[in-house]
Amino acid sequence: PGDVPDTCADVEELARDVGYAPSTPVEVGV
């Protein structure tokens, strides 16, 4: 209860306004 099945971020506004979008793959981060 309270969880959602899926999440995915649209980062268009972040990239447009501050010129950045996250990119680290899980293989590297983990």
Full PDB file with SEQRES, HELIX, SHEET, SSBOND, CRYST1, ORIGX, SCALE, CONECT and MASTER records, all heavy atoms in Angstrom:
SEQRES   1 A   30  PRO GLY ASP VAL PRO ASP THR CYS ALA ASP VAL GLU GLU          
SEQRES   2 A   30  LEU ALA ARG ASP VAL GLY TYR ALA PRO SER THR PRO VAL          
SEQRES   3 A   30  GLU VAL GLY VAL                                              
HELIX    1 AA1 GLU A   12  VAL A   18  1                                   7    
HELIX    2 AA2 VAL A   26  GLY A   29  1                                   4    
CRYST1    1.000    1.000    1.000  90.00  90.00  90.00 P 1           1          
ORIGX1      1.000000  0.000000  0.000000        0.00000                         
ORIGX2      0.000000  1.000000  0.000000        0.00000                         
ORIGX3      0.000000  0.000000  1.000000        0.00000                         
SCALE1      1.000000  0.000000  0.000000        0.00000                         
SCALE2      0.000000  1.000000  0.000000        0.00000                         
SCALE3      0.000000  0.000000  1.000000        0.00000                         
ATOM      1  N   PRO A   1       0.837  -1.212   0.000  1.00  0.00           N  
ATOM      2  CA  PRO A   1       0.000   0.000   0.000  1.00  0.00           C  
ATOM      3  C   PRO A   1       0.867   1.255   0.000  1.00  0.00           C  
ATOM      4  O   PRO A   1       1.857   1.345   0.713  1.00  0.00           O  
ATOM      5  CB  PRO A   1      -0.782  -0.112   1.316  1.00  0.00           C  
ATOM      6  CG  PRO A   1      -0.796  -1.580   1.632  1.00  0.00           C  
ATOM      7  CD  PRO A   1       0.514  -2.111   1.127  1.00  0.00           C  
ATOM      8  N   GLY A   2       0.494   2.227  -0.826  1.00  0.00           N  
ATOM      9  CA  GLY A   2       1.243   3.481  -0.917  1.00  0.00           C  
ATOM     10  C   GLY A   2       2.298   3.486  -1.998  1.00  0.00           C  
ATOM     11  O   GLY A   2       2.761   4.556  -2.414  1.00  0.00           O  
ATOM     12  N   ASP A   3       2.722   2.292  -2.462  1.00  0.00           N  
ATOM     13  CA  ASP A   3       3.711   2.218  -3.532  1.00  0.00           C  
ATOM     14  C   ASP A   3       3.038   2.341  -4.897  1.00  0.00           C  
ATOM     15  O   ASP A   3       1.843   2.098  -5.041  1.00  0.00           O  
ATOM     16  CB  ASP A   3       4.475   0.890  -3.472  1.00  0.00           C  
ATOM     17  CG  ASP A   3       5.602   0.906  -2.463  1.00  0.00           C  
ATOM     18  OD1 ASP A   3       5.863   1.982  -1.900  1.00  0.00           O  
ATOM     19  OD2 ASP A   3       6.199  -0.151  -2.230  1.00  0.00           O  
ATOM     20  N   VAL A   4       3.828   2.708  -5.900  1.00  0.00           N  
ATOM     21  CA  VAL A   4       3.330   2.784  -7.271  1.00  0.00           C  
ATOM     22  C   VAL A   4       4.115   1.783  -8.116  1.00  0.00           C  
ATOM     23  O   VAL A   4       5.262   1.467  -7.803  1.00  0.00           O  
ATOM     24  CB  VAL A   4       3.464   4.207  -7.843  1.00  0.00           C  
ATOM     25  CG1 VAL A   4       2.644   5.185  -7.029  1.00  0.00           C  
ATOM     26  CG2 VAL A   4       4.919   4.648  -7.900  1.00  0.00           C  
ATOM     27  N   PRO A   5       3.516   1.258  -9.194  1.00  0.00           N  
ATOM     28  CA  PRO A   5       4.197   0.222  -9.983  1.00  0.00           C  
ATOM     29  C   PRO A   5       5.434   0.714 -10.724  1.00  0.00           C  
ATOM     30  O   PRO A   5       6.431   0.003 -10.815  1.00  0.00           O  
ATOM     31  CB  PRO A   5       3.113  -0.240 -10.966  1.00  0.00           C  
ATOM     32  CG  PRO A   5       1.821   0.238 -10.408  1.00  0.00           C  
ATOM     33  CD  PRO A   5       2.130   1.478  -9.642  1.00  0.00           C  
ATOM     34  N   ASP A   6       5.383   1.932 -11.258  1.00  0.00           N  
ATOM     35  CA  ASP A   6       6.463   2.392 -12.131  1.00  0.00           C  
ATOM     36  C   ASP A   6       6.709   3.884 -11.945  1.00  0.00           C  
ATOM     37  O   ASP A   6       5.775   4.651 -11.669  1.00  0.00           O  
ATOM     38  CB  ASP A   6       6.107   2.144 -13.610  1.00  0.00           C  
ATOM     39  CG  ASP A   6       5.761   0.691 -13.883  1.00  0.00           C  
ATOM     40  OD1 ASP A   6       6.687  -0.142 -13.863  1.00  0.00           O  
ATOM     41  OD2 ASP A   6       4.574   0.410 -14.097  1.00  0.00           O  
ATOM     42  N   THR A   7       7.969   4.291 -12.114  1.00  0.00           N  
ATOM     43  CA  THR A   7       8.305   5.710 -12.155  1.00  0.00           C  
ATOM     44  C   THR A   7       9.298   5.962 -13.287  1.00  0.00           C  
ATOM     45  O   THR A   7      10.141   5.109 -13.587  1.00  0.00           O  
ATOM     46  CB  THR A   7       8.924   6.223 -10.835  1.00  0.00           C  
ATOM     47  OG1 THR A   7      10.208   5.610 -10.624  1.00  0.00           O  
ATOM     48  CG2 THR A   7       8.017   5.942  -9.648  1.00  0.00           C  
ATOM     49  N   CYS A   8       9.180   7.132 -13.895  1.00  0.00           N  
ATOM     50  CA  CYS A   8      10.116   7.544 -14.939  1.00  0.00           C  
ATOM     51  C   CYS A   8      10.016   9.050 -15.065  1.00  0.00           C  
ATOM     52  O   CYS A   8       8.911   9.602 -15.170  1.00  0.00           O  
ATOM     53  CB  CYS A   8       9.773   6.878 -16.274  1.00  0.00           C  
ATOM     54  SG  CYS A   8      10.837   7.404 -17.645  1.00  0.00           S  
ATOM     55  N   ALA A   9      11.148   9.735 -15.031  1.00  0.00           N  
ATOM     56  CA  ALA A   9      11.173  11.193 -15.014  1.00  0.00           C  
ATOM     57  C   ALA A   9      11.337  11.778 -16.414  1.00  0.00           C  
ATOM     58  O   ALA A   9      12.221  11.372 -17.167  1.00  0.00           O  
ATOM     59  CB  ALA A   9      12.311  11.686 -14.124  1.00  0.00           C  
ATOM     60  N   ASP A  10      10.495  12.744 -16.737  1.00  0.00           N  
ATOM     61  CA  ASP A  10      10.714  13.618 -17.878  1.00  0.00           C  
ATOM     62  C   ASP A  10      11.520  14.812 -17.356  1.00  0.00           C  
ATOM     63  O   ASP A  10      11.033  15.553 -16.495  1.00  0.00           O  
ATOM     64  CB  ASP A  10       9.364  14.077 -18.440  1.00  0.00           C  
ATOM     65  CG  ASP A  10       9.491  15.017 -19.632  1.00  0.00           C  
ATOM     66  OD1 ASP A  10      10.550  15.657 -19.790  1.00  0.00           O  
ATOM     67  OD2 ASP A  10       8.508  15.153 -20.387  1.00  0.00           O  
ATOM     68  N   VAL A  11      12.741  14.981 -17.827  1.00  0.00           N  
ATOM     69  CA  VAL A  11      13.612  16.035 -17.305  1.00  0.00           C  
ATOM     70  C   VAL A  11      13.813  17.162 -18.317  1.00  0.00           C  
ATOM     71  O   VAL A  11      14.798  17.902 -18.264  1.00  0.00           O  
ATOM     72  CB  VAL A  11      14.983  15.464 -16.864  1.00  0.00           C  
ATOM     73  CG1 VAL A  11      14.810  14.510 -15.690  1.00  0.00           C  
ATOM     74  CG2 VAL A  11      15.689  14.770 -18.031  1.00  0.00           C  
ATOM     75  N   GLU A  12      12.857  17.316 -19.220  1.00  0.00           N  
ATOM     76  CA  GLU A  12      12.981  18.335 -20.273  1.00  0.00           C  
ATOM     77  C   GLU A  12      13.184  19.728 -19.688  1.00  0.00           C  
ATOM     78  O   GLU A  12      14.056  20.479 -20.142  1.00  0.00           O  
ATOM     79  CB  GLU A  12      11.727  18.315 -21.152  1.00  0.00           C  
ATOM     80  CG  GLU A  12      11.721  19.383 -22.235  1.00  0.00           C  
ATOM     81  CD  GLU A  12      10.422  19.421 -23.032  1.00  0.00           C  
ATOM     82  OE1 GLU A  12       9.707  18.394 -23.042  1.00  0.00           O  
ATOM     83  OE2 GLU A  12      10.126  20.473 -23.638  1.00  0.00           O  
ATOM     84  N   GLU A  13      12.393  20.103 -18.695  1.00  0.00           N  
ATOM     85  CA  GLU A  13      12.495  21.451 -18.131  1.00  0.00           C  
ATOM     86  C   GLU A  13      13.821  21.670 -17.406  1.00  0.00           C  
ATOM     87  O   GLU A  13      14.417  22.750 -17.481  1.00  0.00           O  
ATOM     88  CB  GLU A  13      11.326  21.721 -17.182  1.00  0.00           C  
ATOM     89  CG  GLU A  13       9.994  21.964 -17.853  1.00  0.00           C  
ATOM     90  CD  GLU A  13       9.317  20.695 -18.351  1.00  0.00           C  
ATOM     91  OE1 GLU A  13       9.820  19.583 -18.033  1.00  0.00           O  
ATOM     92  OE2 GLU A  13       8.295  20.786 -19.041  1.00  0.00           O  
ATOM     93  N   LEU A  14      14.285  20.652 -16.689  1.00  0.00           N  
ATOM     94  CA  LEU A  14      15.569  20.755 -16.002  1.00  0.00           C  
ATOM     95  C   LEU A  14      16.698  20.977 -17.004  1.00  0.00           C  
ATOM     96  O   LEU A  14      17.555  21.863 -16.817  1.00  0.00           O  
ATOM     97  CB  LEU A  14      15.822  19.484 -15.181  1.00  0.00           C  
ATOM     98  CG  LEU A  14      17.104  19.455 -14.355  1.00  0.00           C  
ATOM     99  CD1 LEU A  14      16.993  20.384 -13.151  1.00  0.00           C  
ATOM    100  CD2 LEU A  14      17.413  18.019 -13.881  1.00  0.00           C  
ATOM    101  N   ALA A  15      16.703  20.183 -18.072  1.00  0.00           N  
ATOM    102  CA  ALA A  15      17.748  20.317 -19.085  1.00  0.00           C  
ATOM    103  C   ALA A  15      17.670  21.669 -19.783  1.00  0.00           C  
ATOM    104  O   ALA A  15      18.700  22.300 -20.057  1.00  0.00           O  
ATOM    105  CB  ALA A  15      17.618  19.179 -20.097  1.00  0.00           C  
ATOM    106  N   ARG A  16      16.451  22.133 -20.038  1.00  0.00           N  
ATOM    107  CA  ARG A  16      16.276  23.414 -20.732  1.00  0.00           C  
ATOM    108  C   ARG A  16      16.740  24.594 -19.883  1.00  0.00           C  
ATOM    109  O   ARG A  16      17.433  25.486 -20.371  1.00  0.00           O  
ATOM    110  CB  ARG A  16      14.799  23.581 -21.088  1.00  0.00           C  
ATOM    111  CG  ARG A  16      14.460  24.894 -21.809  1.00  0.00           C  
ATOM    112  CD  ARG A  16      12.962  25.139 -21.755  1.00  0.00           C  
ATOM    113  NE  ARG A  16      12.511  25.401 -20.377  1.00  0.00           N  
ATOM    114  CZ  ARG A  16      11.265  25.181 -19.951  1.00  0.00           C  
ATOM    115  NH1 ARG A  16      10.346  24.691 -20.780  1.00  0.00           N  
ATOM    116  NH2 ARG A  16      10.938  25.451 -18.697  1.00  0.00           N  
ATOM    117  N   ASP A  17      16.372  24.594 -18.602  1.00  0.00           N  
ATOM    118  CA  ASP A  17      16.616  25.773 -17.763  1.00  0.00           C  
ATOM    119  C   ASP A  17      18.002  25.807 -17.139  1.00  0.00           C  
ATOM    120  O   ASP A  17      18.557  26.893 -16.943  1.00  0.00           O  
ATOM    121  CB  ASP A  17      15.558  25.858 -16.655  1.00  0.00           C  
ATOM    122  CG  ASP A  17      14.178  26.191 -17.193  1.00  0.00           C  
ATOM    123  OD1 ASP A  17      14.057  26.493 -18.398  1.00  0.00           O  
ATOM    124  OD2 ASP A  17      13.197  26.136 -16.420  1.00  0.00           O  
ATOM    125  N   VAL A  18      18.559  24.652 -16.784  1.00  0.00           N  
ATOM    126  CA  VAL A  18      19.862  24.658 -16.117  1.00  0.00           C  
ATOM    127  C   VAL A  18      20.917  23.837 -16.856  1.00  0.00           C  
ATOM    128  O   VAL A  18      22.041  23.697 -16.388  1.00  0.00           O  
ATOM    129  CB  VAL A  18      19.756  24.191 -14.644  1.00  0.00           C  
ATOM    130  CG1 VAL A  18      18.773  25.055 -13.882  1.00  0.00           C  
ATOM    131  CG2 VAL A  18      19.370  22.721 -14.540  1.00  0.00           C  
ATOM    132  N   GLY A  19      20.539  23.285 -18.012  1.00  0.00           N  
ATOM    133  CA  GLY A  19      21.518  22.592 -18.845  1.00  0.00           C  
ATOM    134  C   GLY A  19      22.050  21.309 -18.257  1.00  0.00           C  
ATOM    135  O   GLY A  19      23.218  20.964 -18.436  1.00  0.00           O  
ATOM    136  N   TYR A  20      21.179  20.554 -17.578  1.00  0.00           N  
ATOM    137  CA  TYR A  20      21.672  19.345 -16.921  1.00  0.00           C  
ATOM    138  C   TYR A  20      20.607  18.255 -16.914  1.00  0.00           C  
ATOM    139  O   TYR A  20      19.414  18.531 -16.762  1.00  0.00           O  
ATOM    140  CB  TYR A  20      22.074  19.639 -15.473  1.00  0.00           C  
ATOM    141  CG  TYR A  20      22.562  18.404 -14.744  1.00  0.00           C  
ATOM    142  CD1 TYR A  20      23.774  17.818 -15.089  1.00  0.00           C  
ATOM    143  CD2 TYR A  20      21.796  17.810 -13.753  1.00  0.00           C  
ATOM    144  CE1 TYR A  20      24.213  16.668 -14.460  1.00  0.00           C  
ATOM    145  CE2 TYR A  20      22.226  16.667 -13.114  1.00  0.00           C  
ATOM    146  CZ  TYR A  20      23.438  16.094 -13.472  1.00  0.00           C  
ATOM    147  OH  TYR A  20      23.857  14.952 -12.850  1.00  0.00           O  
ATOM    148  N   ALA A  21      21.064  17.007 -17.061  1.00  0.00           N  
ATOM    149  CA  ALA A  21      20.215  15.831 -16.895  1.00  0.00           C  
ATOM    150  C   ALA A  21      21.070  14.705 -16.322  1.00  0.00           C  
ATOM    151  O   ALA A  21      22.192  14.484 -16.772  1.00  0.00           O  
ATOM    152  CB  ALA A  21      19.609  15.406 -18.231  1.00  0.00           C  
ATOM    153  N   PRO A  22      20.582  13.996 -15.291  1.00  0.00           N  
ATOM    154  CA  PRO A  22      21.341  12.887 -14.713  1.00  0.00           C  
ATOM    155  C   PRO A  22      21.666  11.817 -15.747  1.00  0.00           C  
ATOM    156  O   PRO A  22      20.930  11.642 -16.723  1.00  0.00           O  
ATOM    157  CB  PRO A  22      20.378  12.341 -13.639  1.00  0.00           C  
ATOM    158  CG  PRO A  22      19.538  13.515 -13.261  1.00  0.00           C  
ATOM    159  CD  PRO A  22      19.340  14.264 -14.556  1.00  0.00           C  
ATOM    160  N   SER A  23      22.772  11.072 -15.516  1.00  0.00           N  
ATOM    161  CA  SER A  23      23.194  10.109 -16.533  1.00  0.00           C  
ATOM    162  C   SER A  23      23.897   8.874 -15.985  1.00  0.00           C  
ATOM    163  O   SER A  23      24.255   7.984 -16.760  1.00  0.00           O  
ATOM    164  CB  SER A  23      24.128  10.798 -17.538  1.00  0.00           C  
ATOM    165  OG  SER A  23      25.278  11.304 -16.880  1.00  0.00           O  
ATOM    166  N   THR A  24      24.128   8.766 -14.671  1.00  0.00           N  
ATOM    167  CA  THR A  24      24.901   7.635 -14.139  1.00  0.00           C  
ATOM    168  C   THR A  24      24.099   6.338 -14.230  1.00  0.00           C  
ATOM    169  O   THR A  24      23.012   6.238 -13.656  1.00  0.00           O  
ATOM    170  CB  THR A  24      25.282   7.879 -12.669  1.00  0.00           C  
ATOM    171  OG1 THR A  24      26.010   9.112 -12.573  1.00  0.00           O  
ATOM    172  CG2 THR A  24      26.128   6.740 -12.126  1.00  0.00           C  
ATOM    173  N   PRO A  25      24.605   5.308 -14.930  1.00  0.00           N  
ATOM    174  CA  PRO A  25      23.873   4.035 -15.013  1.00  0.00           C  
ATOM    175  C   PRO A  25      23.926   3.276 -13.692  1.00  0.00           C  
ATOM    176  O   PRO A  25      24.861   3.451 -12.896  1.00  0.00           O  
ATOM    177  CB  PRO A  25      24.619   3.271 -16.115  1.00  0.00           C  
ATOM    178  CG  PRO A  25      25.986   3.865 -16.136  1.00  0.00           C  
ATOM    179  CD  PRO A  25      25.839   5.294 -15.724  1.00  0.00           C  
ATOM    180  N   VAL A  26      22.931   2.422 -13.445  1.00  0.00           N  
ATOM    181  CA  VAL A  26      22.863   1.708 -12.168  1.00  0.00           C  
ATOM    182  C   VAL A  26      24.075   0.793 -11.974  1.00  0.00           C  
ATOM    183  O   VAL A  26      24.505   0.567 -10.840  1.00  0.00           O  
ATOM    184  CB  VAL A  26      21.555   0.904 -12.011  1.00  0.00           C  
ATOM    185  CG1 VAL A  26      20.360   1.828 -11.910  1.00  0.00           C  
ATOM    186  CG2 VAL A  26      21.380  -0.111 -13.125  1.00  0.00           C  
ATOM    187  N   GLU A  27      24.629   0.264 -13.052  1.00  0.00           N  
ATOM    188  CA  GLU A  27      25.793  -0.613 -12.913  1.00  0.00           C  
ATOM    189  C   GLU A  27      26.961   0.123 -12.246  1.00  0.00           C  
ATOM    190  O   GLU A  27      27.687  -0.452 -11.436  1.00  0.00           O  
ATOM    191  CB  GLU A  27      26.219  -1.145 -14.285  1.00  0.00           C  
ATOM    192  CG  GLU A  27      25.262  -2.137 -14.913  1.00  0.00           C  
ATOM    193  CD  GLU A  27      24.069  -1.485 -15.585  1.00  0.00           C  
ATOM    194  OE1 GLU A  27      24.022  -0.233 -15.648  1.00  0.00           O  
ATOM    195  OE2 GLU A  27      23.181  -2.220 -16.060  1.00  0.00           O  
ATOM    196  N   VAL A  28      27.129   1.395 -12.589  1.00  0.00           N  
ATOM    197  CA  VAL A  28      28.194   2.207 -12.001  1.00  0.00           C  
ATOM    198  C   VAL A  28      27.820   2.622 -10.586  1.00  0.00           C  
ATOM    199  O   VAL A  28      28.617   2.503  -9.648  1.00  0.00           O  
ATOM    200  CB  VAL A  28      28.466   3.447 -12.873  1.00  0.00           C  
ATOM    201  CG1 VAL A  28      29.438   4.402 -12.176  1.00  0.00           C  
ATOM    202  CG2 VAL A  28      29.016   3.035 -14.229  1.00  0.00           C  
ATOM    203  N   GLY A  29      26.599   3.110 -10.404  1.00  0.00           N  
ATOM    204  CA  GLY A  29      26.172   3.604  -9.103  1.00  0.00           C  
ATOM    205  C   GLY A  29      26.128   2.534  -8.033  1.00  0.00           C  
ATOM    206  O   GLY A  29      26.578   2.752  -6.896  1.00  0.00           O  
ATOM    207  N   VAL A  30      25.609   1.360  -8.370  1.00  0.00           N  
ATOM    208  CA  VAL A  30      25.525   0.270  -7.390  1.00  0.00           C  
ATOM    209  C   VAL A  30      26.920  -0.219  -7.015  1.00  0.00           C  
ATOM    210  O   VAL A  30      27.203  -0.498  -5.848  1.00  0.00           O  
ATOM    211  CB  VAL A  30      24.664  -0.892  -7.940  1.00  0.00           C  
ATOM    212  CG1 VAL A  30      24.778  -2.126  -7.042  1.00  0.00           C  
ATOM    213  CG2 VAL A  30      23.198  -0.459  -8.043  1.00  0.00           C  
TER     214      VAL A  30                                                      
MASTER        0    0    0    2    0    0    0    6  213    1    0    3          
END                                                                             
